[in-house]
Structure formats: structure tokens, C-alpha cells
Amino acid sequence: MDNEIIDGGFILLSRKILCSEIWRKPPEYLKIFLYILLKVNHKDGLFPRGSNFFNFSEEKPNGVTINQIYKFLSWAKSEKVRILATQKTTRGVVIKVNNYEHYQTADNYERQDERQDNGRIAAGQRQDYKQECKNERNNIINIEEKTKKFTPPSIEEITNYCMERKNGVDPQRFFDYYNAGGWKDSKGKPIKNWKQKMIAVWEVKKEGNKPAPQISKSESFYMSLSK
């Protein structure tokens, strides 16, 4: 019957999920997230609204592995995503869905009949929605680019890489050269990939090799201060 009450309750799912980063991830990410969203409390109880206890060794979504769940959780609670927060316990993990109150409150959503025209979304509104998705994707890309900060390698990392490639490069000299220059190349641009710089500039090749960069007087001076 059309008026039959559907037992088991429900969750709200924003249409903007189509523009979100999770939509671009492997399909099991969304499956695990929806599973968690369906399992957390919709009202305060033993655990607060929007959170619950999980033991994935005993119960988990069909078709996903424990390893996939761990990868998802690591991504979901990372600094740039933060859609979940977790707290380990002796028997499992307590998971909290961040911003649950905002996304699971119907009054926070625009009414569908306010955006529709005779059962169809008007062309202008459809275009607005596409622009919203584009802006959302650009925001995600900008956040990702800002969070990709270069971390200078340690002497040990450089040494291990040189040994692995058997390239004959002096790890200490490589480190001192770029460390003295603030990890910038000869054109003053910040280095993004030191391994690529090692291969393209420093490695001794049989043919067509360019000599390793020469340390300038100013760099030699700053290097002497660090000894």
C-alpha cells in the first residue's frame, strides 16, 4: 500500500555527494560510509547522536574486506577530509560522523518542489547545480594542492636511495647543496620531487651526463656555518 509505514527508519543523503571527493574514490568507500551512516545512532543513547560502537571483525558490510575498511577509515579521518572521528577501544572502535547534525536535519535542505518546474529541474537551475559541483571540485583540488607540502629528505633517506640506485652520488653533498639553498633549484623554484632531481641532474650516466651542480661561494659559506 502507498501509505504503508516503512519500518527501520531512514537517513538523509545530500545530492551534493555527487560533487564530493568520496564520489571519486573506489566504490567500497561510499559503501562503507553509508553502512556507518546507517548504523550510528539517530538520537542520543549509550553513544551520542551520530556515533556508535563498531567491531568490523564481527560485523561489516558485505563485499568489502577488513583491509578496505581500514584504508577508508584512515582516509575519512585524515586532516584534509575529516568526515569521521574514531576512538579505539579494547573490543572495537567508536566512530563519530562529523557534521551529522547538519546533514541529518531535514530543515537544512532546500525543498525539492522549490527547485522543480513541472517535475523537471529548470535549465537555469540545472546549470546552477553543475556550477556548484564544479566549484566544489575546484575547492577539493585547491585543498589537496595546499596540503601537498614538500618535506626535505633526511641524509638517511638520500643515502638509501643512492644505494638502491647505485648511482655514485655523494648523499651528504646532495643534501648540503639543496639545504643551503632552501631546497630550491638553480632557477630559484621550490623543489617538489628530490628523487626526480637526483635522477635528472646528479646521477652519473655513461652518455650525455651533465656534471653535478657546483656549489657557489655563498652556499659554501652557509654550509661551513652548519658544521
C-alpha atoms as a PDB file:
ATOM      1  CA  MET A   1       0.000   0.000   0.000  1.00  0.00           C
ATOM      2  CA  ASP A   2       1.181   3.548  -0.755  1.00  0.00           C
ATOM      3  CA  ASN A   3       0.557   4.740   2.839  1.00  0.00           C
ATOM      4  CA  GLU A   4       2.340   1.795   4.445  1.00  0.00           C
ATOM      5  CA  ILE A   5       4.858   2.865   7.038  1.00  0.00           C
ATOM      6  CA  ILE A   6       8.358   1.642   6.225  1.00  0.00           C
ATOM      7  CA  ASP A   7       9.978   0.314   9.358  1.00  0.00           C
ATOM      8  CA  GLY A   8      13.679   0.623  10.174  1.00  0.00           C
ATOM      9  CA  GLY A   9      13.933   4.386   9.850  1.00  0.00           C
ATOM     10  CA  PHE A  10      15.862   6.362   7.237  1.00  0.00           C
ATOM     11  CA  ILE A  11      18.806   8.674   6.631  1.00  0.00           C
ATOM     12  CA  LEU A  12      19.094  11.849   4.588  1.00  0.00           C
ATOM     13  CA  LEU A  13      21.547  11.914   1.696  1.00  0.00           C
ATOM     14  CA  SER A  14      22.558  15.224   0.157  1.00  0.00           C
ATOM     15  CA  ARG A  15      22.580  15.417  -3.645  1.00  0.00           C
ATOM     16  CA  LYS A  16      25.897  17.227  -3.301  1.00  0.00           C
ATOM     17  CA  ILE A  17      27.524  13.882  -2.600  1.00  0.00           C
ATOM     18  CA  LEU A  18      27.817  13.698  -6.410  1.00  0.00           C
ATOM     19  CA  CYS A  19      30.278  16.607  -6.183  1.00  0.00           C
ATOM     20  CA  SER A  20      32.190  15.299  -3.175  1.00  0.00           C
ATOM     21  CA  GLU A  21      35.603  13.683  -3.022  1.00  0.00           C
ATOM     22  CA  ILE A  22      34.211  10.343  -1.825  1.00  0.00           C
ATOM     23  CA  TRP A  23      32.366  10.018  -5.161  1.00  0.00           C
ATOM     24  CA  ARG A  24      35.754   9.919  -6.902  1.00  0.00           C
ATOM     25  CA  LYS A  25      37.120   7.234  -4.594  1.00  0.00           C
ATOM     26  CA  PRO A  26      36.833   3.445  -5.058  1.00  0.00           C
ATOM     27  CA  PRO A  27      33.180   2.302  -4.781  1.00  0.00           C
ATOM     28  CA  GLU A  28      33.759   0.473  -1.493  1.00  0.00           C
ATOM     29  CA  TYR A  29      34.498   3.824   0.201  1.00  0.00           C
ATOM     30  CA  LEU A  30      30.931   5.027  -0.370  1.00  0.00           C
ATOM     31  CA  LYS A  31      29.537   1.627   0.619  1.00  0.00           C
ATOM     32  CA  ILE A  32      31.422   1.661   3.929  1.00  0.00           C
ATOM     33  CA  PHE A  33      30.443   5.267   4.620  1.00  0.00           C
ATOM     34  CA  LEU A  34      26.747   4.569   4.009  1.00  0.00           C
ATOM     35  CA  TYR A  35      26.985   1.494   6.237  1.00  0.00           C
ATOM     36  CA  ILE A  36      28.402   3.621   9.053  1.00  0.00           C
ATOM     37  CA  LEU A  37      25.821   6.347   8.432  1.00  0.00           C
ATOM     38  CA  LEU A  38      23.035   3.766   8.725  1.00  0.00           C
ATOM     39  CA  LYS A  39      24.490   2.237  11.897  1.00  0.00           C
ATOM     40  CA  VAL A  40      25.220   5.321  14.014  1.00  0.00           C
ATOM     41  CA  ASN A  41      22.578   6.480  16.479  1.00  0.00           C
ATOM     42  CA  HIS A  42      19.942   8.895  15.195  1.00  0.00           C
ATOM     43  CA  LYS A  43      19.348  10.069  18.770  1.00  0.00           C
ATOM     44  CA  ASP A  44      21.357  10.158  21.981  1.00  0.00           C
ATOM     45  CA  GLY A  45      21.670   6.851  23.790  1.00  0.00           C
ATOM     46  CA  LEU A  46      24.575   4.778  25.059  1.00  0.00           C
ATOM     47  CA  PHE A  47      26.526   6.676  22.409  1.00  0.00           C
ATOM     48  CA  PRO A  48      25.656  10.234  21.304  1.00  0.00           C
ATOM     49  CA  ARG A  49      23.638  11.011  18.179  1.00  0.00           C
ATOM     50  CA  GLY A  50      25.773  10.480  15.094  1.00  0.00           C
ATOM     51  CA  SER A  51      28.104   7.927  16.710  1.00  0.00           C
ATOM     52  CA  ASN A  52      28.189   4.248  17.652  1.00  0.00           C
ATOM     53  CA  PHE A  53      30.428   1.309  18.511  1.00  0.00           C
ATOM     54  CA  PHE A  54      31.718  -0.900  15.685  1.00  0.00           C
ATOM     55  CA  ASN A  55      33.524  -4.238  15.649  1.00  0.00           C
ATOM     56  CA  PHE A  56      34.258  -4.910  11.997  1.00  0.00           C
ATOM     57  CA  SER A  57      35.776  -8.300  12.789  1.00  0.00           C
ATOM     58  CA  GLU A  58      32.316  -9.485  13.849  1.00  0.00           C
ATOM     59  CA  GLU A  59      30.107  -7.442  11.536  1.00  0.00           C
ATOM     60  CA  LYS A  60      30.932  -5.494   8.375  1.00  0.00           C
ATOM     61  CA  PRO A  61      29.316  -4.560   5.034  1.00  0.00           C
ATOM     62  CA  ASN A  62      29.030  -7.437   2.576  1.00  0.00           C
ATOM     63  CA  GLY A  63      31.550  -7.395  -0.232  1.00  0.00           C
ATOM     64  CA  VAL A  64      34.292  -5.399   1.485  1.00  0.00           C
ATOM     65  CA  THR A  65      37.394  -6.570   3.326  1.00  0.00           C
ATOM     66  CA  ILE A  66      38.785  -5.521   6.686  1.00  0.00           C
ATOM     67  CA  ASN A  67      41.765  -4.019   4.886  1.00  0.00           C
ATOM     68  CA  GLN A  68      39.467  -1.873   2.715  1.00  0.00           C
ATOM     69  CA  ILE A  69      37.664  -0.687   5.854  1.00  0.00           C
ATOM     70  CA  TYR A  70      40.962   0.298   7.500  1.00  0.00           C
ATOM     71  CA  LYS A  71      42.014   2.201   4.363  1.00  0.00           C
ATOM     72  CA  PHE A  72      38.683   4.004   4.257  1.00  0.00           C
ATOM     73  CA  LEU A  73      38.832   4.949   7.939  1.00  0.00           C
ATOM     74  CA  SER A  74      42.377   6.243   7.553  1.00  0.00           C
ATOM     75  CA  TRP A  75      41.239   8.444   4.649  1.00  0.00           C
ATOM     76  CA  ALA A  76      37.951   9.532   6.241  1.00  0.00           C
ATOM     77  CA  LYS A  77      39.562  10.806   9.440  1.00  0.00           C
ATOM     78  CA  SER A  78      42.589  12.392   7.734  1.00  0.00           C
ATOM     79  CA  GLU A  79      43.253  16.105   8.219  1.00  0.00           C
ATOM     80  CA  LYS A  80      42.016  17.165   4.764  1.00  0.00           C
ATOM     81  CA  VAL A  81      38.803  15.039   4.842  1.00  0.00           C
ATOM     82  CA  ARG A  82      37.627  14.682   8.449  1.00  0.00           C
ATOM     83  CA  ILE A  83      34.191  13.259   7.747  1.00  0.00           C
ATOM     84  CA  LEU A  84      34.704  10.801  10.622  1.00  0.00           C
ATOM     85  CA  ALA A  85      36.376  10.723  14.015  1.00  0.00           C
ATOM     86  CA  THR A  86      37.386   7.452  15.692  1.00  0.00           C
ATOM     87  CA  GLN A  87      38.303   6.277  19.160  1.00  0.00           C
ATOM     88  CA  LYS A  88      39.812   2.835  19.681  1.00  0.00           C
ATOM     89  CA  THR A  89      38.512   0.540  22.428  1.00  0.00           C
ATOM     90  CA  THR A  90      39.562  -2.913  23.601  1.00  0.00           C
ATOM     91  CA  ARG A  91      36.836  -4.614  21.552  1.00  0.00           C
ATOM     92  CA  GLY A  92      36.494  -2.334  18.532  1.00  0.00           C
ATOM     93  CA  VAL A  93      36.176   1.315  17.644  1.00  0.00           C
ATOM     94  CA  VAL A  94      33.742   4.134  18.385  1.00  0.00           C
ATOM     95  CA  ILE A  95      33.019   6.099  15.206  1.00  0.00           C
ATOM     96  CA  LYS A  96      31.525   9.574  15.109  1.00  0.00           C
ATOM     97  CA  VAL A  97      30.158  11.064  11.884  1.00  0.00           C
ATOM     98  CA  ASN A  98      31.259  14.686  11.846  1.00  0.00           C
ATOM     99  CA  ASN A  99      28.575  17.257  10.965  1.00  0.00           C
ATOM    100  CA  TYR A 100      25.911  14.570  11.404  1.00  0.00           C
ATOM    101  CA  GLU A 101      23.501  17.079  12.959  1.00  0.00           C
ATOM    102  CA  HIS A 102      23.779  19.402   9.966  1.00  0.00           C
ATOM    103  CA  TYR A 103      23.348  16.803   7.226  1.00  0.00           C
ATOM    104  CA  GLN A 104      20.712  14.717   9.017  1.00  0.00           C
ATOM    105  CA  THR A 105      18.356  17.616   9.769  1.00  0.00           C
ATOM    106  CA  ALA A 106      15.666  17.965   7.104  1.00  0.00           C
ATOM    107  CA  ASP A 107      15.151  21.691   7.733  1.00  0.00           C
ATOM    108  CA  ASN A 108      18.690  22.348   6.476  1.00  0.00           C
ATOM    109  CA  TYR A 109      17.762  21.190   2.965  1.00  0.00           C
ATOM    110  CA  GLU A 110      16.114  23.223   0.238  1.00  0.00           C
ATOM    111  CA  ARG A 111      12.697  21.829  -0.554  1.00  0.00           C
ATOM    112  CA  GLN A 112      12.680  19.889  -3.803  1.00  0.00           C
ATOM    113  CA  ASP A 113       9.428  21.462  -5.010  1.00  0.00           C
ATOM    114  CA  GLU A 114      11.087  24.870  -4.788  1.00  0.00           C
ATOM    115  CA  ARG A 115      13.688  23.768  -7.384  1.00  0.00           C
ATOM    116  CA  GLN A 116      11.419  21.886  -9.755  1.00  0.00           C
ATOM    117  CA  ASP A 117       9.291  23.017 -12.658  1.00  0.00           C
ATOM    118  CA  ASN A 118       6.529  20.514 -13.579  1.00  0.00           C
ATOM    119  CA  GLY A 119       8.610  17.591 -12.336  1.00  0.00           C
ATOM    120  CA  ARG A 120      11.790  18.731 -14.085  1.00  0.00           C
ATOM    121  CA  ILE A 121      14.614  20.878 -12.841  1.00  0.00           C
ATOM    122  CA  ALA A 122      14.596  24.041 -14.900  1.00  0.00           C
ATOM    123  CA  ALA A 123      17.520  24.553 -17.269  1.00  0.00           C
ATOM    124  CA  GLY A 124      18.838  27.524 -15.309  1.00  0.00           C
ATOM    125  CA  GLN A 125      18.677  25.619 -12.030  1.00  0.00           C
ATOM    126  CA  ARG A 126      20.332  22.616 -13.650  1.00  0.00           C
ATOM    127  CA  GLN A 127      23.157  24.869 -14.834  1.00  0.00           C
ATOM    128  CA  ASP A 128      23.449  26.363 -11.335  1.00  0.00           C
ATOM    129  CA  TYR A 129      23.788  22.880  -9.893  1.00  0.00           C
ATOM    130  CA  LYS A 130      26.519  21.972 -12.397  1.00  0.00           C
ATOM    131  CA  GLN A 131      28.369  25.151 -11.435  1.00  0.00           C
ATOM    132  CA  GLU A 132      28.029  24.257  -7.752  1.00  0.00           C
ATOM    133  CA  CYS A 133      29.584  20.856  -8.463  1.00  0.00           C
ATOM    134  CA  LYS A 134      32.384  22.465 -10.463  1.00  0.00           C
ATOM    135  CA  ASN A 135      33.099  24.913  -7.647  1.00  0.00           C
ATOM    136  CA  GLU A 136      33.058  22.088  -5.124  1.00  0.00           C
ATOM    137  CA  ARG A 137      35.541  20.047  -7.177  1.00  0.00           C
ATOM    138  CA  ASN A 138      37.799  23.088  -7.542  1.00  0.00           C
ATOM    139  CA  ASN A 139      37.706  23.608  -3.786  1.00  0.00           C
ATOM    140  CA  ILE A 140      38.753  19.985  -3.248  1.00  0.00           C
ATOM    141  CA  ILE A 141      41.600  20.324  -5.757  1.00  0.00           C
ATOM    142  CA  ASN A 142      42.780  23.563  -4.135  1.00  0.00           C
ATOM    143  CA  ILE A 143      42.751  21.971  -0.695  1.00  0.00           C
ATOM    144  CA  GLU A 144      44.705  18.978  -1.981  1.00  0.00           C
ATOM    145  CA  GLU A 145      47.313  21.225  -3.600  1.00  0.00           C
ATOM    146  CA  LYS A 146      47.728  23.292  -0.456  1.00  0.00           C
ATOM    147  CA  THR A 147      48.145  20.227   1.730  1.00  0.00           C
ATOM    148  CA  LYS A 148      50.857  18.732  -0.506  1.00  0.00           C
ATOM    149  CA  LYS A 149      53.818  20.284   1.294  1.00  0.00           C
ATOM    150  CA  PHE A 150      57.341  19.295   0.371  1.00  0.00           C
ATOM    151  CA  THR A 151      59.262  17.667   3.198  1.00  0.00           C
ATOM    152  CA  PRO A 152      63.052  17.721   2.759  1.00  0.00           C
ATOM    153  CA  PRO A 153      64.575  14.225   2.864  1.00  0.00           C
ATOM    154  CA  SER A 154      66.931  13.156   5.626  1.00  0.00           C
ATOM    155  CA  ILE A 155      70.528  12.120   4.996  1.00  0.00           C
ATOM    156  CA  GLU A 156      69.456   8.542   5.680  1.00  0.00           C
ATOM    157  CA  GLU A 157      66.705   8.685   3.039  1.00  0.00           C
ATOM    158  CA  ILE A 158      69.108  10.118   0.463  1.00  0.00           C
ATOM    159  CA  THR A 159      71.779   7.537   1.331  1.00  0.00           C
ATOM    160  CA  ASN A 160      69.336   4.641   0.995  1.00  0.00           C
ATOM    161  CA  TYR A 161      68.087   5.958  -2.345  1.00  0.00           C
ATOM    162  CA  CYS A 162      71.628   6.340  -3.698  1.00  0.00           C
ATOM    163  CA  MET A 163      72.485   2.806  -2.564  1.00  0.00           C
ATOM    164  CA  GLU A 164      69.299   1.467  -4.133  1.00  0.00           C
ATOM    165  CA  ARG A 165      70.115   3.063  -7.487  1.00  0.00           C
ATOM    166  CA  LYS A 166      73.893   2.556  -7.189  1.00  0.00           C
ATOM    167  CA  ASN A 167      74.378   5.979  -8.727  1.00  0.00           C
ATOM    168  CA  GLY A 168      77.631   7.027  -7.039  1.00  0.00           C
ATOM    169  CA  VAL A 169      76.160  10.332  -5.820  1.00  0.00           C
ATOM    170  CA  ASP A 170      77.515  11.708  -2.536  1.00  0.00           C
ATOM    171  CA  PRO A 171      74.399  11.884  -0.277  1.00  0.00           C
ATOM    172  CA  GLN A 172      75.935  14.474   2.061  1.00  0.00           C
ATOM    173  CA  ARG A 173      76.844  16.772  -0.812  1.00  0.00           C
ATOM    174  CA  PHE A 174      73.382  16.416  -2.342  1.00  0.00           C
ATOM    175  CA  PHE A 175      71.782  17.309   0.990  1.00  0.00           C
ATOM    176  CA  ASP A 176      74.131  20.217   1.719  1.00  0.00           C
ATOM    177  CA  TYR A 177      73.725  21.697  -1.761  1.00  0.00           C
ATOM    178  CA  TYR A 178      69.932  21.954  -1.591  1.00  0.00           C
ATOM    179  CA  ASN A 179      69.676  22.550   2.136  1.00  0.00           C
ATOM    180  CA  ALA A 180      71.917  25.623   1.809  1.00  0.00           C
ATOM    181  CA  GLY A 181      69.645  26.955  -0.923  1.00  0.00           C
ATOM    182  CA  GLY A 182      66.402  26.382   0.979  1.00  0.00           C
ATOM    183  CA  TRP A 183      65.529  23.359  -1.193  1.00  0.00           C
ATOM    184  CA  LYS A 184      65.211  25.382  -4.368  1.00  0.00           C
ATOM    185  CA  ASP A 185      66.644  24.556  -7.784  1.00  0.00           C
ATOM    186  CA  SER A 186      69.147  26.614  -9.768  1.00  0.00           C
ATOM    187  CA  LYS A 187      66.295  28.804 -11.063  1.00  0.00           C
ATOM    188  CA  GLY A 188      65.045  29.555  -7.553  1.00  0.00           C
ATOM    189  CA  LYS A 189      61.943  27.372  -7.855  1.00  0.00           C
ATOM    190  CA  PRO A 190      60.945  25.196  -4.874  1.00  0.00           C
ATOM    191  CA  ILE A 191      61.830  21.533  -5.307  1.00  0.00           C
ATOM    192  CA  LYS A 192      58.764  19.283  -5.439  1.00  0.00           C
ATOM    193  CA  ASN A 193      60.448  15.915  -6.039  1.00  0.00           C
ATOM    194  CA  TRP A 194      64.009  15.453  -4.832  1.00  0.00           C
ATOM    195  CA  LYS A 195      64.270  11.963  -6.346  1.00  0.00           C
ATOM    196  CA  GLN A 196      63.493  13.331  -9.788  1.00  0.00           C
ATOM    197  CA  LYS A 197      66.174  15.984  -9.243  1.00  0.00           C
ATOM    198  CA  MET A 198      68.625  13.256  -8.239  1.00  0.00           C
ATOM    199  CA  ILE A 199      67.974  11.290 -11.425  1.00  0.00           C
ATOM    200  CA  ALA A 200      67.819  14.208 -13.852  1.00  0.00           C
ATOM    201  CA  VAL A 201      70.777  16.251 -12.570  1.00  0.00           C
ATOM    202  CA  TRP A 202      73.042  14.342 -10.209  1.00  0.00           C
ATOM    203  CA  GLU A 203      73.300  10.790 -11.389  1.00  0.00           C
ATOM    204  CA  VAL A 204      76.421   9.871 -13.327  1.00  0.00           C
ATOM    205  CA  LYS A 205      75.358   8.411 -16.654  1.00  0.00           C
ATOM    206  CA  LYS A 206      77.506   6.820 -19.296  1.00  0.00           C
ATOM    207  CA  GLU A 207      76.354   9.150 -22.058  1.00  0.00           C
ATOM    208  CA  GLY A 208      75.056  12.679 -22.183  1.00  0.00           C
ATOM    209  CA  ASN A 209      75.645  13.264 -18.490  1.00  0.00           C
ATOM    210  CA  LYS A 210      75.563  16.768 -17.110  1.00  0.00           C
ATOM    211  CA  PRO A 211      78.023  17.391 -14.288  1.00  0.00           C
ATOM    212  CA  ALA A 212      76.620  17.676 -10.783  1.00  0.00           C
ATOM    213  CA  PRO A 213      75.760  21.245  -9.739  1.00  0.00           C
ATOM    214  CA  GLN A 214      78.655  23.288  -8.450  1.00  0.00           C
ATOM    215  CA  ILE A 215      78.338  24.782  -5.007  1.00  0.00           C
ATOM    216  CA  SER A 216      78.536  28.564  -5.077  1.00  0.00           C
ATOM    217  CA  LYS A 217      80.691  30.587  -2.688  1.00  0.00           C
ATOM    218  CA  SER A 218      77.652  31.797  -0.765  1.00  0.00           C
ATOM    219  CA  GLU A 219      76.377  28.210  -0.399  1.00  0.00           C
ATOM    220  CA  SER A 220      79.817  27.043   0.727  1.00  0.00           C
ATOM    221  CA  PHE A 221      79.798  29.795   3.367  1.00  0.00           C
ATOM    222  CA  TYR A 222      76.407  28.789   4.760  1.00  0.00           C
ATOM    223  CA  MET A 223      77.412  25.111   4.711  1.00  0.00           C
ATOM    224  CA  SER A 224      80.557  25.904   6.707  1.00  0.00           C
ATOM    225  CA  LEU A 225      78.426  27.530   9.394  1.00  0.00           C
ATOM    226  CA  SER A 226      76.399  24.342   9.845  1.00  0.00           C
ATOM    227  CA  LYS A 227      79.438  22.157  10.515  1.00  0.00           C
END
